[in-house]
Amino acid sequence: MLEEHFFTCPYCFSNISVLLDPSIAAQTYIEDCEICCKPIEIKFFIENGELSFFSAQSIEQ
C-alpha cells in the first residue's frame, strides 16, 4: 500500500505530497512540483516498514 508523505518544495516552498511505496527499501527519482512544475530529486529509505530517511532537493540547472 502506498503512503502519502508531505514536504516543502525547495523552489516555491509550497506544502506538497508524494506517494511512497514502502515495499521498496530505497528509492531515488525526479518528480516535478505540482505547484511550480520544477524538478525535485526525491530520495527515501524504508527500514522495518517505516520511513527512516526522506530528502527533497532542488536540481541545479
C-alpha atoms as a PDB file:
ATOM      1  CA  MET A   1       0.000   0.000   0.000  1.00  0.00           C
ATOM      2  CA  LEU A   2       1.340   3.445  -0.931  1.00  0.00           C
ATOM      3  CA  GLU A   3       1.857   6.043   1.783  1.00  0.00           C
ATOM      4  CA  GLU A   4       1.387   9.779   1.298  1.00  0.00           C
ATOM      5  CA  HIS A   5       4.270  11.915   2.549  1.00  0.00           C
ATOM      6  CA  PHE A   6       4.104  15.733   2.759  1.00  0.00           C
ATOM      7  CA  PHE A   7       7.123  18.001   2.292  1.00  0.00           C
ATOM      8  CA  THR A   8       8.029  21.568   1.312  1.00  0.00           C
ATOM      9  CA  CYS A   9       9.022  22.294  -2.287  1.00  0.00           C
ATOM     10  CA  PRO A  10      12.620  23.593  -2.328  1.00  0.00           C
ATOM     11  CA  TYR A  11      11.690  26.140  -5.020  1.00  0.00           C
ATOM     12  CA  CYS A  12       8.266  27.640  -4.238  1.00  0.00           C
ATOM     13  CA  PHE A  13       8.028  26.465  -0.584  1.00  0.00           C
ATOM     14  CA  SER A  14       4.521  25.053  -1.090  1.00  0.00           C
ATOM     15  CA  ASN A  15       3.452  22.098   1.026  1.00  0.00           C
ATOM     16  CA  ILE A  16       3.067  19.203  -1.436  1.00  0.00           C
ATOM     17  CA  SER A  17       2.939  15.430  -1.235  1.00  0.00           C
ATOM     18  CA  VAL A  18       4.263  12.306  -2.914  1.00  0.00           C
ATOM     19  CA  LEU A  19       3.155   8.696  -2.693  1.00  0.00           C
ATOM     20  CA  LEU A  20       5.867   6.406  -1.326  1.00  0.00           C
ATOM     21  CA  ASP A  21       5.974   2.647  -1.830  1.00  0.00           C
ATOM     22  CA  PRO A  22       7.132   1.112   1.483  1.00  0.00           C
ATOM     23  CA  SER A  23       7.744  -2.271  -0.196  1.00  0.00           C
ATOM     24  CA  ILE A  24      10.882  -0.804  -1.827  1.00  0.00           C
ATOM     25  CA  ALA A  25      13.696  -0.191   0.678  1.00  0.00           C
ATOM     26  CA  ALA A  26      15.439   2.686  -1.141  1.00  0.00           C
ATOM     27  CA  GLN A  27      14.456   4.958  -4.000  1.00  0.00           C
ATOM     28  CA  THR A  28      15.823   7.993  -5.798  1.00  0.00           C
ATOM     29  CA  TYR A  29      13.853   9.659  -8.567  1.00  0.00           C
ATOM     30  CA  ILE A  30      12.863  13.023 -10.059  1.00  0.00           C
ATOM     31  CA  GLU A  31       9.359  14.398  -9.662  1.00  0.00           C
ATOM     32  CA  ASP A  32       8.046  17.812 -10.699  1.00  0.00           C
ATOM     33  CA  CYS A  33       6.447  20.064  -8.096  1.00  0.00           C
ATOM     34  CA  GLU A  34       2.679  20.047  -8.579  1.00  0.00           C
ATOM     35  CA  ILE A  35       2.579  23.818  -7.984  1.00  0.00           C
ATOM     36  CA  CYS A  36       5.629  25.354  -9.738  1.00  0.00           C
ATOM     37  CA  CYS A  37       6.493  22.373 -12.021  1.00  0.00           C
ATOM     38  CA  LYS A  38      10.222  22.493 -11.244  1.00  0.00           C
ATOM     39  CA  PRO A  39      12.100  19.175 -10.876  1.00  0.00           C
ATOM     40  CA  ILE A  40      12.781  17.845  -7.381  1.00  0.00           C
ATOM     41  CA  GLU A  41      15.126  14.979  -6.562  1.00  0.00           C
ATOM     42  CA  ILE A  42      13.303  12.673  -4.145  1.00  0.00           C
ATOM     43  CA  LYS A  43      15.283  10.192  -2.036  1.00  0.00           C
ATOM     44  CA  PHE A  44      13.942   7.967   0.693  1.00  0.00           C
ATOM     45  CA  PHE A  45      14.768   4.858   2.684  1.00  0.00           C
ATOM     46  CA  ILE A  46      12.403   2.424   4.391  1.00  0.00           C
ATOM     47  CA  GLU A  47      13.603   0.341   7.360  1.00  0.00           C
ATOM     48  CA  ASN A  48      11.395  -2.204   9.127  1.00  0.00           C
ATOM     49  CA  GLY A  49       8.375  -0.876   7.227  1.00  0.00           C
ATOM     50  CA  GLU A  50       8.931   2.704   8.441  1.00  0.00           C
ATOM     51  CA  LEU A  51      10.269   5.775   6.649  1.00  0.00           C
ATOM     52  CA  SER A  52      13.786   6.303   8.039  1.00  0.00           C
ATOM     53  CA  PHE A  53      15.062   8.994   5.642  1.00  0.00           C
ATOM     54  CA  PHE A  54      13.426  11.443   3.241  1.00  0.00           C
ATOM     55  CA  SER A  55      15.029  14.172   1.143  1.00  0.00           C
ATOM     56  CA  ALA A  56      13.542  16.545  -1.437  1.00  0.00           C
ATOM     57  CA  GLN A  57      16.199  18.726  -3.081  1.00  0.00           C
ATOM     58  CA  SER A  58      16.286  21.191  -5.948  1.00  0.00           C
ATOM     59  CA  ILE A  59      18.149  20.180  -9.071  1.00  0.00           C
ATOM     60  CA  GLU A  60      20.693  22.730 -10.223  1.00  0.00           C
ATOM     61  CA  GLN A  61      20.110  23.715 -13.827  1.00  0.00           C
END
